Amino acid sequence: MLSRCCCEPEPDLDARQDFTGFGKVLSVTLRDDLWDVAVDQYGFVTARDARRLGAPVVELGKLAARGKLQRVAYGLYRFPEWPTGPRDYLMEAVLWTRDPDAALSHDTALDAYELSDINPDRIHVTVPRRGRALRRRQAPAAYMVHYEDLTPAQRGWWEQIPTVTVPTAIDQCIASGMRSDLVRQAITAARVQGLIDPATADRQQAALTGEHS
C-alpha cells in the first residue's frame, strides 16, 4: 500500500474540481465561493446560493458541522468570522423567505428610509403571491410576510438589502391602514427630498383622505 508523503498537504474536504473550456483543472473550495456571495449579503448564504454554485445543499450542513458556517435558520447560514452589524437582522429576514424576489416593505421600508417617526414592532417582508403561504420551521414571530407581485420598478435596494421603493412603501402603508399622520409625514418628507414627484405625492395624499381624482 502506498503511504502519504509527510510533506504532502492534507486534502481540502471542501474542495471540488472545475474544468475550463481547455480542460485545465481549477482547484477551488465551496467555502471560498460562498464567501464571495456572502460579501453582498451581510455574511449570510443560503441553500439556493449553494445550488447556484453547483453544490449539493448538504454541503452547507457539513461546513456547519465543522464550524466553517453557523446555521441561522432552515436553509440559511452565516460565516462566523463576519462582523455583526445593526442591519443584519433585516437581511436575515429577507433571506429567511428563501424567495429571490423578497424585499423589505411596508412599515419596515418606511422606517429604513427614515421618512417618518414610525417604529415597527415587526419586520415586514413582501414576496410574490403563491398558492400556499410560506411555511418555515420555527418562523420568528417578529416577521410579517405580505404577498404581492411587485414589478421590477417597485423593487430597489437599501444598504444592499432588497427593499421596495419609497413610492411603493408609502402606497403599501396607505393600503394597510397605517396611522394617517405617519403616512402624511412620510409623503411630505419624500417630496421634500425628491424621492417622489408632485403627481405621486398628490395621488397619495388623495388616497390617504379617501378622495378620488
N, C-alpha and C. Protein backbone atom coordinates (compact mmCIF):
# COMPACT_ATOMS: atom_id res chain seq x y z
N MET A 1 0.84 -1.19 0.00
CA MET A 1 0.00 0.00 0.00
C MET A 1 0.88 1.24 0.00
N LEU A 2 0.58 2.20 -0.80
CA LEU A 2 1.35 3.43 -0.86
C LEU A 2 1.01 4.31 0.32
N SER A 3 2.00 4.89 0.95
CA SER A 3 1.77 5.78 2.09
C SER A 3 1.89 7.23 1.63
N ARG A 4 1.22 8.11 2.36
CA ARG A 4 1.24 9.53 2.02
C ARG A 4 2.57 10.15 2.45
N CYS A 5 3.15 10.93 1.61
CA CYS A 5 4.38 11.62 1.93
C CYS A 5 4.12 12.60 3.06
N CYS A 6 5.06 12.69 4.01
CA CYS A 6 4.84 13.54 5.18
C CYS A 6 4.73 15.00 4.81
N CYS A 7 5.25 15.38 3.65
CA CYS A 7 5.21 16.79 3.27
C CYS A 7 4.03 17.10 2.37
N GLU A 8 3.22 16.12 2.06
CA GLU A 8 2.06 16.33 1.19
C GLU A 8 0.92 16.91 2.01
N PRO A 9 0.32 18.02 1.58
CA PRO A 9 -0.75 18.63 2.38
C PRO A 9 -1.97 17.75 2.45
N GLU A 10 -2.68 17.87 3.55
CA GLU A 10 -3.93 17.13 3.71
C GLU A 10 -4.94 17.61 2.68
N PRO A 11 -5.77 16.73 2.15
CA PRO A 11 -6.76 17.15 1.16
C PRO A 11 -7.79 18.08 1.78
N ASP A 12 -8.18 19.09 1.03
CA ASP A 12 -9.21 20.03 1.48
C ASP A 12 -10.56 19.36 1.33
N LEU A 13 -11.22 19.12 2.45
CA LEU A 13 -12.50 18.41 2.41
C LEU A 13 -13.58 19.20 1.70
N ASP A 14 -13.39 20.54 1.57
CA ASP A 14 -14.39 21.37 0.92
C ASP A 14 -14.13 21.47 -0.58
N ALA A 15 -12.99 20.97 -1.05
CA ALA A 15 -12.56 21.23 -2.42
C ALA A 15 -13.36 20.44 -3.44
N ARG A 16 -13.51 21.03 -4.59
CA ARG A 16 -14.07 20.32 -5.72
C ARG A 16 -13.29 20.79 -6.94
N GLN A 17 -13.44 20.15 -8.05
CA GLN A 17 -12.68 20.50 -9.23
C GLN A 17 -13.59 20.99 -10.33
N ASP A 18 -13.21 22.10 -10.94
CA ASP A 18 -13.91 22.64 -12.08
C ASP A 18 -12.97 22.60 -13.27
N PHE A 19 -13.52 22.45 -14.45
CA PHE A 19 -12.71 22.38 -15.65
C PHE A 19 -13.01 23.58 -16.55
N THR A 20 -11.96 24.17 -17.09
CA THR A 20 -12.14 25.26 -18.03
C THR A 20 -12.47 24.66 -19.38
N GLY A 21 -12.75 25.53 -20.35
CA GLY A 21 -13.04 25.05 -21.70
C GLY A 21 -11.85 24.37 -22.36
N PHE A 22 -10.66 24.56 -21.81
CA PHE A 22 -9.46 23.94 -22.36
C PHE A 22 -9.08 22.67 -21.62
N GLY A 23 -9.91 22.27 -20.68
CA GLY A 23 -9.65 21.04 -19.95
C GLY A 23 -8.74 21.22 -18.75
N LYS A 24 -8.36 22.45 -18.44
CA LYS A 24 -7.49 22.70 -17.30
C LYS A 24 -8.28 22.59 -16.00
N VAL A 25 -7.71 21.92 -15.03
CA VAL A 25 -8.39 21.74 -13.75
C VAL A 25 -8.16 22.95 -12.86
N LEU A 26 -9.23 23.48 -12.30
CA LEU A 26 -9.13 24.59 -11.36
C LEU A 26 -9.56 24.08 -9.99
N SER A 27 -8.67 24.17 -9.03
CA SER A 27 -8.98 23.72 -7.68
C SER A 27 -9.57 24.90 -6.91
N VAL A 28 -10.79 24.77 -6.48
CA VAL A 28 -11.47 25.82 -5.72
C VAL A 28 -12.15 25.19 -4.53
N THR A 29 -12.58 25.98 -3.58
CA THR A 29 -13.32 25.46 -2.45
C THR A 29 -14.70 26.07 -2.42
N LEU A 30 -15.65 25.28 -2.00
CA LEU A 30 -17.02 25.75 -1.91
C LEU A 30 -17.11 26.91 -0.93
N ARG A 31 -16.37 26.84 0.16
CA ARG A 31 -16.42 27.90 1.15
C ARG A 31 -15.94 29.23 0.56
N ASP A 32 -14.93 29.18 -0.26
CA ASP A 32 -14.45 30.41 -0.91
C ASP A 32 -15.51 30.99 -1.83
N ASP A 33 -16.17 30.11 -2.57
CA ASP A 33 -17.24 30.57 -3.48
C ASP A 33 -18.38 31.19 -2.68
N LEU A 34 -18.73 30.55 -1.58
CA LEU A 34 -19.82 31.06 -0.75
C LEU A 34 -19.44 32.40 -0.12
N TRP A 35 -18.18 32.55 0.22
CA TRP A 35 -17.73 33.82 0.80
C TRP A 35 -17.96 34.96 -0.18
N ASP A 36 -17.68 34.71 -1.46
CA ASP A 36 -17.89 35.75 -2.47
C ASP A 36 -19.34 36.18 -2.52
N VAL A 37 -20.25 35.23 -2.29
CA VAL A 37 -21.68 35.55 -2.26
C VAL A 37 -22.02 36.31 -0.96
N ALA A 38 -21.45 35.84 0.14
CA ALA A 38 -21.76 36.42 1.45
C ALA A 38 -21.34 37.87 1.57
N VAL A 39 -20.34 38.26 0.80
CA VAL A 39 -19.86 39.65 0.85
C VAL A 39 -20.99 40.63 0.56
N ASP A 40 -21.91 40.25 -0.31
CA ASP A 40 -23.03 41.12 -0.67
C ASP A 40 -24.28 40.84 0.15
N GLN A 41 -24.18 39.93 1.13
CA GLN A 41 -25.35 39.53 1.90
C GLN A 41 -25.10 39.56 3.40
N TYR A 42 -24.27 40.50 3.85
CA TYR A 42 -24.02 40.66 5.28
C TYR A 42 -23.49 39.39 5.93
N GLY A 43 -22.76 38.59 5.17
CA GLY A 43 -22.16 37.38 5.72
C GLY A 43 -23.05 36.16 5.65
N PHE A 44 -24.26 36.31 5.10
CA PHE A 44 -25.20 35.19 5.01
C PHE A 44 -25.10 34.46 3.67
N VAL A 45 -25.40 33.18 3.69
CA VAL A 45 -25.54 32.39 2.47
C VAL A 45 -26.72 31.46 2.64
N THR A 46 -27.31 31.05 1.54
CA THR A 46 -28.50 30.21 1.59
C THR A 46 -28.32 28.92 0.80
N ALA A 47 -29.27 28.03 0.99
CA ALA A 47 -29.26 26.79 0.22
C ALA A 47 -29.36 27.08 -1.27
N ARG A 48 -30.10 28.11 -1.61
CA ARG A 48 -30.23 28.50 -3.02
C ARG A 48 -28.89 28.95 -3.58
N ASP A 49 -28.10 29.65 -2.77
CA ASP A 49 -26.78 30.07 -3.21
C ASP A 49 -25.90 28.86 -3.51
N ALA A 50 -25.98 27.85 -2.66
CA ALA A 50 -25.19 26.64 -2.88
C ALA A 50 -25.59 25.96 -4.17
N ARG A 51 -26.89 25.87 -4.41
CA ARG A 51 -27.36 25.23 -5.65
C ARG A 51 -26.88 26.01 -6.88
N ARG A 52 -26.90 27.34 -6.79
CA ARG A 52 -26.44 28.14 -7.92
C ARG A 52 -24.96 27.92 -8.20
N LEU A 53 -24.22 27.55 -7.16
CA LEU A 53 -22.80 27.28 -7.33
C LEU A 53 -22.53 25.84 -7.76
N GLY A 54 -23.61 25.08 -7.94
CA GLY A 54 -23.47 23.71 -8.40
C GLY A 54 -23.12 22.73 -7.31
N ALA A 55 -23.37 23.09 -6.05
CA ALA A 55 -23.03 22.23 -4.92
C ALA A 55 -24.29 21.69 -4.26
N PRO A 56 -24.27 20.44 -3.79
CA PRO A 56 -25.41 19.89 -3.07
C PRO A 56 -25.65 20.68 -1.78
N VAL A 57 -26.90 20.88 -1.45
CA VAL A 57 -27.24 21.66 -0.26
C VAL A 57 -26.66 21.02 1.00
N VAL A 58 -26.51 19.70 0.99
CA VAL A 58 -25.99 19.00 2.17
C VAL A 58 -24.60 19.49 2.54
N GLU A 59 -23.88 20.05 1.58
CA GLU A 59 -22.53 20.55 1.87
C GLU A 59 -22.55 21.70 2.86
N LEU A 60 -23.63 22.47 2.89
CA LEU A 60 -23.73 23.55 3.86
C LEU A 60 -23.77 22.99 5.28
N GLY A 61 -24.51 21.91 5.45
CA GLY A 61 -24.58 21.26 6.75
C GLY A 61 -23.22 20.72 7.19
N LYS A 62 -22.47 20.20 6.22
CA LYS A 62 -21.14 19.67 6.54
C LYS A 62 -20.21 20.80 6.98
N LEU A 63 -20.29 21.94 6.29
CA LEU A 63 -19.47 23.08 6.67
C LEU A 63 -19.84 23.57 8.07
N ALA A 64 -21.14 23.57 8.36
CA ALA A 64 -21.60 23.99 9.69
C ALA A 64 -21.12 23.03 10.76
N ALA A 65 -21.12 21.74 10.45
CA ALA A 65 -20.66 20.75 11.42
C ALA A 65 -19.19 20.91 11.75
N ARG A 66 -18.43 21.44 10.81
CA ARG A 66 -17.00 21.67 11.04
C ARG A 66 -16.71 23.08 11.55
N GLY A 67 -17.76 23.85 11.83
CA GLY A 67 -17.57 25.18 12.37
C GLY A 67 -17.20 26.22 11.33
N LYS A 68 -17.30 25.87 10.04
CA LYS A 68 -16.96 26.82 8.99
C LYS A 68 -18.13 27.76 8.68
N LEU A 69 -19.33 27.35 9.04
CA LEU A 69 -20.53 28.17 8.89
C LEU A 69 -21.37 28.03 10.16
N GLN A 70 -22.22 29.01 10.41
CA GLN A 70 -23.18 28.93 11.51
C GLN A 70 -24.58 28.79 10.92
N ARG A 71 -25.33 27.82 11.39
CA ARG A 71 -26.71 27.66 10.93
C ARG A 71 -27.58 28.68 11.64
N VAL A 72 -28.26 29.52 10.86
CA VAL A 72 -29.12 30.57 11.41
C VAL A 72 -30.57 30.12 11.42
N ALA A 73 -31.00 29.52 10.34
CA ALA A 73 -32.37 29.03 10.19
C ALA A 73 -32.34 27.95 9.11
N TYR A 74 -33.49 27.37 8.85
CA TYR A 74 -33.55 26.32 7.84
C TYR A 74 -33.09 26.87 6.49
N GLY A 75 -32.02 26.31 5.95
CA GLY A 75 -31.50 26.74 4.65
C GLY A 75 -30.77 28.07 4.67
N LEU A 76 -30.47 28.59 5.86
CA LEU A 76 -29.80 29.89 5.98
C LEU A 76 -28.61 29.77 6.93
N TYR A 77 -27.45 30.22 6.44
CA TYR A 77 -26.22 30.11 7.21
C TYR A 77 -25.46 31.44 7.19
N ARG A 78 -24.48 31.54 8.10
CA ARG A 78 -23.69 32.77 8.19
C ARG A 78 -22.25 32.43 8.51
N PHE A 79 -21.33 33.19 7.96
CA PHE A 79 -19.93 33.00 8.26
C PHE A 79 -19.66 33.52 9.67
N PRO A 80 -19.11 32.68 10.55
CA PRO A 80 -18.92 33.09 11.95
C PRO A 80 -17.93 34.24 12.12
N GLU A 81 -16.99 34.38 11.18
CA GLU A 81 -16.00 35.45 11.32
C GLU A 81 -16.46 36.78 10.75
N TRP A 82 -17.66 36.78 10.12
CA TRP A 82 -18.16 38.04 9.56
C TRP A 82 -18.59 38.95 10.70
N PRO A 83 -18.14 40.20 10.73
CA PRO A 83 -18.52 41.10 11.84
C PRO A 83 -20.02 41.37 11.87
N THR A 84 -20.57 41.39 13.05
CA THR A 84 -22.01 41.66 13.19
C THR A 84 -22.27 43.15 13.04
N GLY A 85 -23.49 43.47 12.64
CA GLY A 85 -23.85 44.87 12.43
C GLY A 85 -25.30 45.11 12.76
N PRO A 86 -25.71 46.36 12.86
CA PRO A 86 -27.08 46.71 13.27
C PRO A 86 -28.15 46.38 12.23
N ARG A 87 -27.76 46.11 10.98
CA ARG A 87 -28.75 45.82 9.94
C ARG A 87 -28.83 44.34 9.59
N ASP A 88 -28.04 43.52 10.24
CA ASP A 88 -28.00 42.09 9.92
C ASP A 88 -29.39 41.45 9.95
N TYR A 89 -30.17 41.83 10.98
CA TYR A 89 -31.47 41.19 11.17
C TYR A 89 -32.42 41.47 10.00
N LEU A 90 -32.22 42.57 9.30
CA LEU A 90 -33.08 42.89 8.16
C LEU A 90 -32.72 42.03 6.95
N MET A 91 -31.43 41.87 6.69
CA MET A 91 -31.02 40.99 5.60
C MET A 91 -31.42 39.55 5.91
N GLU A 92 -31.29 39.17 7.16
CA GLU A 92 -31.67 37.82 7.57
C GLU A 92 -33.15 37.57 7.28
N ALA A 93 -33.99 38.56 7.54
CA ALA A 93 -35.43 38.40 7.32
C ALA A 93 -35.73 38.17 5.84
N VAL A 94 -35.07 38.93 4.97
CA VAL A 94 -35.29 38.77 3.53
C VAL A 94 -34.83 37.39 3.07
N LEU A 95 -33.64 36.97 3.49
CA LEU A 95 -33.11 35.69 3.06
C LEU A 95 -33.85 34.52 3.69
N TRP A 96 -34.42 34.72 4.86
CA TRP A 96 -35.19 33.66 5.52
C TRP A 96 -36.33 33.15 4.65
N THR A 97 -36.92 34.04 3.84
CA THR A 97 -38.05 33.64 2.99
C THR A 97 -37.62 32.65 1.91
N ARG A 98 -36.32 32.64 1.57
CA ARG A 98 -35.78 31.80 0.51
C ARG A 98 -36.45 32.09 -0.83
N ASP A 99 -36.90 33.32 -0.99
CA ASP A 99 -37.51 33.75 -2.25
C ASP A 99 -36.61 34.82 -2.87
N PRO A 100 -36.15 34.61 -4.11
CA PRO A 100 -35.24 35.58 -4.73
C PRO A 100 -35.85 36.95 -4.96
N ASP A 101 -37.18 37.05 -4.92
CA ASP A 101 -37.85 38.33 -5.15
C ASP A 101 -38.36 38.97 -3.87
N ALA A 102 -37.95 38.46 -2.72
CA ALA A 102 -38.39 39.04 -1.44
C ALA A 102 -37.75 40.40 -1.23
N ALA A 103 -38.46 41.27 -0.51
CA ALA A 103 -37.93 42.61 -0.25
C ALA A 103 -38.54 43.17 1.04
N LEU A 104 -37.77 43.96 1.74
CA LEU A 104 -38.32 44.68 2.89
C LEU A 104 -39.43 45.59 2.38
N SER A 105 -40.47 45.76 3.15
CA SER A 105 -41.62 46.52 2.64
C SER A 105 -42.42 47.17 3.77
N HIS A 106 -43.49 47.83 3.37
CA HIS A 106 -44.44 48.43 4.30
C HIS A 106 -43.74 49.28 5.38
N ASP A 107 -44.12 49.07 6.64
CA ASP A 107 -43.60 49.86 7.75
C ASP A 107 -42.08 49.79 7.84
N THR A 108 -41.53 48.59 7.60
CA THR A 108 -40.09 48.41 7.73
C THR A 108 -39.33 49.24 6.69
N ALA A 109 -39.83 49.26 5.48
CA ALA A 109 -39.18 50.05 4.43
C ALA A 109 -39.27 51.54 4.75
N LEU A 110 -40.42 51.97 5.21
CA LEU A 110 -40.61 53.38 5.55
C LEU A 110 -39.67 53.79 6.68
N ASP A 111 -39.51 52.91 7.65
CA ASP A 111 -38.59 53.17 8.75
C ASP A 111 -37.15 53.21 8.26
N ALA A 112 -36.79 52.30 7.35
CA ALA A 112 -35.42 52.26 6.82
C ALA A 112 -35.08 53.55 6.09
N TYR A 113 -36.02 54.07 5.34
CA TYR A 113 -35.79 55.31 4.60
C TYR A 113 -35.84 56.55 5.48
N GLU A 114 -36.21 56.35 6.75
CA GLU A 114 -36.27 57.45 7.73
C GLU A 114 -37.14 58.60 7.25
N LEU A 115 -38.35 58.25 6.83
CA LEU A 115 -39.28 59.27 6.32
C LEU A 115 -40.38 59.62 7.30
N SER A 116 -40.48 58.88 8.39
CA SER A 116 -41.49 59.19 9.39
C SER A 116 -41.03 58.68 10.74
N ASP A 117 -41.82 58.97 11.76
CA ASP A 117 -41.48 58.56 13.13
C ASP A 117 -42.01 57.17 13.46
N ILE A 118 -42.33 56.40 12.45
CA ILE A 118 -42.86 55.06 12.68
C ILE A 118 -41.83 54.19 13.38
N ASN A 119 -42.30 53.31 14.24
CA ASN A 119 -41.43 52.38 14.97
C ASN A 119 -42.04 50.98 14.86
N PRO A 120 -41.75 50.26 13.77
CA PRO A 120 -42.40 48.96 13.52
C PRO A 120 -42.12 47.95 14.63
N ASP A 121 -43.14 47.19 15.00
CA ASP A 121 -42.95 46.15 16.00
C ASP A 121 -42.65 44.80 15.36
N ARG A 122 -42.73 44.76 14.02
CA ARG A 122 -42.37 43.54 13.28
C ARG A 122 -41.62 43.92 12.01
N ILE A 123 -40.92 42.95 11.46
CA ILE A 123 -40.19 43.16 10.22
C ILE A 123 -41.10 42.75 9.07
N HIS A 124 -41.42 43.70 8.21
CA HIS A 124 -42.33 43.44 7.09
C HIS A 124 -41.54 43.08 5.84
N VAL A 125 -41.90 41.96 5.24
CA VAL A 125 -41.25 41.48 4.01
C VAL A 125 -42.33 41.10 3.01
N THR A 126 -42.14 41.48 1.77
CA THR A 126 -43.09 41.13 0.72
C THR A 126 -42.47 40.11 -0.23
N VAL A 127 -43.25 39.07 -0.54
CA VAL A 127 -42.85 38.05 -1.50
C VAL A 127 -43.97 37.92 -2.54
N PRO A 128 -43.67 37.36 -3.71
CA PRO A 128 -44.71 37.19 -4.73
C PRO A 128 -45.86 36.31 -4.24
N ARG A 129 -47.04 36.53 -4.81
CA ARG A 129 -48.19 35.70 -4.47
C ARG A 129 -47.91 34.25 -4.85
N ARG A 130 -48.49 33.34 -4.10
CA ARG A 130 -48.30 31.91 -4.35
C ARG A 130 -49.53 31.16 -3.91
N GLY A 131 -49.57 29.89 -4.26
CA GLY A 131 -50.73 29.09 -3.93
C GLY A 131 -50.92 28.88 -2.44
N ARG A 132 -49.79 28.70 -1.73
CA ARG A 132 -49.85 28.48 -0.29
C ARG A 132 -48.90 29.43 0.41
N ALA A 133 -49.25 29.78 1.64
CA ALA A 133 -48.40 30.69 2.40
C ALA A 133 -47.06 30.03 2.71
N LEU A 134 -46.06 30.84 2.97
CA LEU A 134 -44.75 30.31 3.33
C LEU A 134 -44.85 29.51 4.60
N ARG A 135 -44.17 28.39 4.62
CA ARG A 135 -44.08 27.59 5.83
C ARG A 135 -42.61 27.36 6.12
N ARG A 136 -42.16 27.90 7.19
CA ARG A 136 -40.76 27.78 7.58
C ARG A 136 -40.71 27.30 9.02
N ARG A 137 -39.80 26.37 9.28
CA ARG A 137 -39.65 25.86 10.63
C ARG A 137 -39.21 26.97 11.58
N GLN A 138 -39.86 27.01 12.73
CA GLN A 138 -39.53 27.99 13.76
C GLN A 138 -39.53 29.41 13.19
N ALA A 139 -40.58 29.76 12.49
CA ALA A 139 -40.69 31.10 11.92
C ALA A 139 -40.71 32.14 13.04
N PRO A 140 -39.85 33.14 12.96
CA PRO A 140 -39.82 34.17 14.00
C PRO A 140 -41.15 34.91 14.09
N ALA A 141 -41.63 35.12 15.29
CA ALA A 141 -42.88 35.85 15.48
C ALA A 141 -42.74 37.30 15.05
N ALA A 142 -41.50 37.77 14.94
CA ALA A 142 -41.26 39.17 14.58
C ALA A 142 -41.42 39.43 13.09
N TYR A 143 -41.65 38.40 12.30
CA TYR A 143 -41.77 38.58 10.85
C TYR A 143 -43.23 38.71 10.43
N MET A 144 -43.50 39.64 9.53
CA MET A 144 -44.81 39.77 8.90
C MET A 144 -44.60 39.65 7.39
N VAL A 145 -45.10 38.57 6.81
CA VAL A 145 -44.90 38.32 5.39
C VAL A 145 -46.14 38.75 4.61
N HIS A 146 -45.95 39.57 3.59
CA HIS A 146 -47.02 40.03 2.72
C HIS A 146 -46.85 39.38 1.35
N TYR A 147 -47.95 39.20 0.65
CA TYR A 147 -47.92 38.56 -0.66
C TYR A 147 -48.42 39.54 -1.72
N GLU A 148 -47.51 39.94 -2.57
CA GLU A 148 -47.81 40.93 -3.61
C GLU A 148 -46.83 40.74 -4.76
N ASP A 149 -47.34 40.80 -5.97
CA ASP A 149 -46.48 40.66 -7.15
C ASP A 149 -45.91 42.03 -7.51
N LEU A 150 -44.72 42.30 -7.06
CA LEU A 150 -44.06 43.58 -7.32
C LEU A 150 -43.42 43.58 -8.70
N THR A 151 -43.47 44.71 -9.36
CA THR A 151 -42.77 44.86 -10.64
C THR A 151 -41.32 45.23 -10.35
N PRO A 152 -40.43 45.04 -11.32
CA PRO A 152 -39.03 45.43 -11.11
C PRO A 152 -38.89 46.89 -10.70
N ALA A 153 -39.78 47.75 -11.20
CA ALA A 153 -39.71 49.17 -10.87
C ALA A 153 -40.11 49.44 -9.42
N GLN A 154 -40.78 48.50 -8.78
CA GLN A 154 -41.20 48.68 -7.39
C GLN A 154 -40.18 48.15 -6.39
N ARG A 155 -39.18 47.48 -6.89
CA ARG A 155 -38.15 46.90 -6.02
C ARG A 155 -36.85 47.67 -6.18
N GLY A 156 -36.19 47.91 -5.07
CA GLY A 156 -34.91 48.59 -5.12
C GLY A 156 -33.98 48.03 -4.06
N TRP A 157 -33.07 48.88 -3.58
CA TRP A 157 -32.10 48.46 -2.58
C TRP A 157 -31.95 49.54 -1.52
N TRP A 158 -31.78 49.10 -0.30
CA TRP A 158 -31.44 50.00 0.79
C TRP A 158 -30.30 49.33 1.57
N GLU A 159 -29.15 49.97 1.57
CA GLU A 159 -27.97 49.42 2.25
C GLU A 159 -27.70 47.97 1.81
N GLN A 160 -27.79 47.74 0.52
CA GLN A 160 -27.54 46.43 -0.10
C GLN A 160 -28.61 45.39 0.22
N ILE A 161 -29.69 45.79 0.82
CA ILE A 161 -30.77 44.86 1.15
C ILE A 161 -31.93 45.12 0.20
N PRO A 162 -32.49 44.08 -0.43
CA PRO A 162 -33.65 44.29 -1.31
C PRO A 162 -34.79 44.95 -0.55
N THR A 163 -35.26 46.07 -1.07
CA THR A 163 -36.29 46.86 -0.38
C THR A 163 -37.18 47.51 -1.43
N VAL A 164 -38.46 47.59 -1.13
CA VAL A 164 -39.37 48.26 -2.07
C VAL A 164 -38.99 49.73 -2.16
N THR A 165 -39.34 50.36 -3.25
CA THR A 165 -39.03 51.77 -3.45
C THR A 165 -39.87 52.64 -2.51
N VAL A 166 -39.47 53.88 -2.37
CA VAL A 166 -40.19 54.80 -1.49
C VAL A 166 -41.66 54.94 -1.88
N PRO A 167 -41.99 55.22 -3.17
CA PRO A 167 -43.41 55.33 -3.53
C PRO A 167 -44.20 54.06 -3.20
N THR A 168 -43.57 52.90 -3.42
CA THR A 168 -44.26 51.63 -3.14
C THR A 168 -44.48 51.45 -1.65
N ALA A 169 -43.48 51.78 -0.85
CA ALA A 169 -43.62 51.65 0.60
C ALA A 169 -44.76 52.51 1.12
N ILE A 170 -44.85 53.73 0.62
CA ILE A 170 -45.93 54.63 1.06
C ILE A 170 -47.28 54.08 0.62
N ASP A 171 -47.38 53.61 -0.63
CA ASP A 171 -48.64 53.03 -1.11
C ASP A 171 -49.05 51.84 -0.24
N GLN A 172 -48.07 51.00 0.12
CA GLN A 172 -48.38 49.83 0.94
C GLN A 172 -48.88 50.24 2.32
N CYS A 173 -48.26 51.26 2.88
CA CYS A 173 -48.67 51.71 4.21
C CYS A 173 -50.06 52.33 4.19
N ILE A 174 -50.39 53.03 3.11
CA ILE A 174 -51.75 53.58 2.97
C ILE A 174 -52.76 52.43 2.90
N ALA A 175 -52.44 51.43 2.07
CA ALA A 175 -53.35 50.29 1.89
C ALA A 175 -53.52 49.48 3.16
N SER A 176 -52.48 49.42 3.99
CA SER A 176 -52.55 48.61 5.20
C SER A 176 -53.20 49.34 6.37
N GLY A 177 -53.51 50.64 6.18
CA GLY A 177 -54.19 51.39 7.22
C GLY A 177 -53.30 51.96 8.29
N MET A 178 -52.05 52.23 7.95
CA MET A 178 -51.16 52.87 8.93
C MET A 178 -51.73 54.22 9.35
N ARG A 179 -51.38 54.65 10.53
CA ARG A 179 -51.84 55.95 11.03
C ARG A 179 -51.60 57.04 9.99
N SER A 180 -52.63 57.80 9.71
CA SER A 180 -52.56 58.79 8.64
C SER A 180 -51.51 59.87 8.88
N ASP A 181 -51.29 60.23 10.14
CA ASP A 181 -50.31 61.28 10.41
C ASP A 181 -48.89 60.82 10.07
N LEU A 182 -48.61 59.52 10.30
CA LEU A 182 -47.29 58.98 9.98
C LEU A 182 -47.09 58.88 8.46
N VAL A 183 -48.15 58.48 7.78
CA VAL A 183 -48.06 58.39 6.32
C VAL A 183 -47.92 59.78 5.71
N ARG A 184 -48.71 60.71 6.21
CA ARG A 184 -48.63 62.08 5.69
C ARG A 184 -47.24 62.68 5.93
N GLN A 185 -46.66 62.36 7.06
CA GLN A 185 -45.30 62.80 7.35
C GLN A 185 -44.32 62.21 6.33
N ALA A 186 -44.51 60.94 5.98
CA ALA A 186 -43.63 60.28 5.01
C ALA A 186 -43.78 60.90 3.63
N ILE A 187 -45.00 61.19 3.23
CA ILE A 187 -45.25 61.79 1.92
C ILE A 187 -44.55 63.14 1.82
N THR A 188 -44.72 63.95 2.87
CA THR A 188 -44.10 65.28 2.87
C THR A 188 -42.58 65.19 2.82
N ALA A 189 -42.01 64.31 3.64
CA ALA A 189 -40.55 64.16 3.68
C ALA A 189 -40.02 63.63 2.35
N ALA A 190 -40.73 62.68 1.77
CA ALA A 190 -40.29 62.12 0.49
C ALA A 190 -40.34 63.15 -0.61
N ARG A 191 -41.37 63.98 -0.58
CA ARG A 191 -41.50 65.04 -1.60
C ARG A 191 -40.38 66.07 -1.44
N VAL A 192 -40.09 66.47 -0.23
CA VAL A 192 -39.04 67.47 0.02
C VAL A 192 -37.68 66.94 -0.42
N GLN A 193 -37.45 65.64 -0.21
CA GLN A 193 -36.17 65.04 -0.55
C GLN A 193 -36.08 64.60 -2.02
N GLY A 194 -37.16 64.83 -2.76
CA GLY A 194 -37.16 64.47 -4.17
C GLY A 194 -37.28 62.98 -4.42
N LEU A 195 -37.81 62.24 -3.46
CA LEU A 195 -37.93 60.80 -3.59
C LEU A 195 -39.25 60.39 -4.27
N ILE A 196 -40.19 61.31 -4.32
CA ILE A 196 -41.42 61.11 -5.08
C ILE A 196 -41.72 62.41 -5.82
N ASP A 197 -42.37 62.30 -6.95
CA ASP A 197 -42.68 63.50 -7.72
C ASP A 197 -44.00 64.12 -7.24
N PRO A 198 -44.30 65.36 -7.65
CA PRO A 198 -45.52 66.03 -7.18
C PRO A 198 -46.79 65.26 -7.49
N ALA A 199 -46.86 64.64 -8.67
CA ALA A 199 -48.07 63.90 -9.04
C ALA A 199 -48.29 62.71 -8.11
N THR A 200 -47.20 62.01 -7.79
CA THR A 200 -47.30 60.87 -6.88
C THR A 200 -47.71 61.33 -5.48
N ALA A 201 -47.13 62.43 -5.02
CA ALA A 201 -47.48 62.96 -3.71
C ALA A 201 -48.95 63.34 -3.65
N ASP A 202 -49.45 63.99 -4.70
CA ASP A 202 -50.87 64.37 -4.75
C ASP A 202 -51.76 63.14 -4.74
N ARG A 203 -51.38 62.14 -5.53
CA ARG A 203 -52.18 60.91 -5.59
C ARG A 203 -52.23 60.23 -4.23
N GLN A 204 -51.11 60.17 -3.55
CA GLN A 204 -51.07 59.51 -2.27
C GLN A 204 -51.81 60.30 -1.19
N GLN A 205 -51.70 61.61 -1.24
CA GLN A 205 -52.45 62.43 -0.29
C GLN A 205 -53.95 62.23 -0.49
N ALA A 206 -54.36 62.14 -1.76
CA ALA A 206 -55.78 61.93 -2.07
C ALA A 206 -56.24 60.55 -1.56
N ALA A 207 -55.39 59.53 -1.77
CA ALA A 207 -55.73 58.18 -1.32
C ALA A 207 -55.81 58.13 0.21
N LEU A 208 -54.96 58.91 0.84
CA LEU A 208 -54.94 58.92 2.31
C LEU A 208 -56.21 59.51 2.88
N THR A 209 -56.78 60.49 2.19
CA THR A 209 -58.00 61.13 2.68
C THR A 209 -59.26 60.53 2.06
N GLY A 210 -59.07 59.52 1.23
CA GLY A 210 -60.21 58.85 0.64
C GLY A 210 -60.80 59.58 -0.55
N GLU A 211 -60.07 60.57 -1.08
CA GLU A 211 -60.57 61.29 -2.22
C GLU A 211 -60.24 60.55 -3.51
N HIS A 212 -60.92 60.86 -4.55
CA HIS A 212 -60.68 60.22 -5.86
C HIS A 212 -60.51 61.30 -6.90
N SER A 213 -59.47 61.13 -7.71
CA SER A 213 -59.22 62.11 -8.77
C SER A 213 -59.95 61.71 -10.02
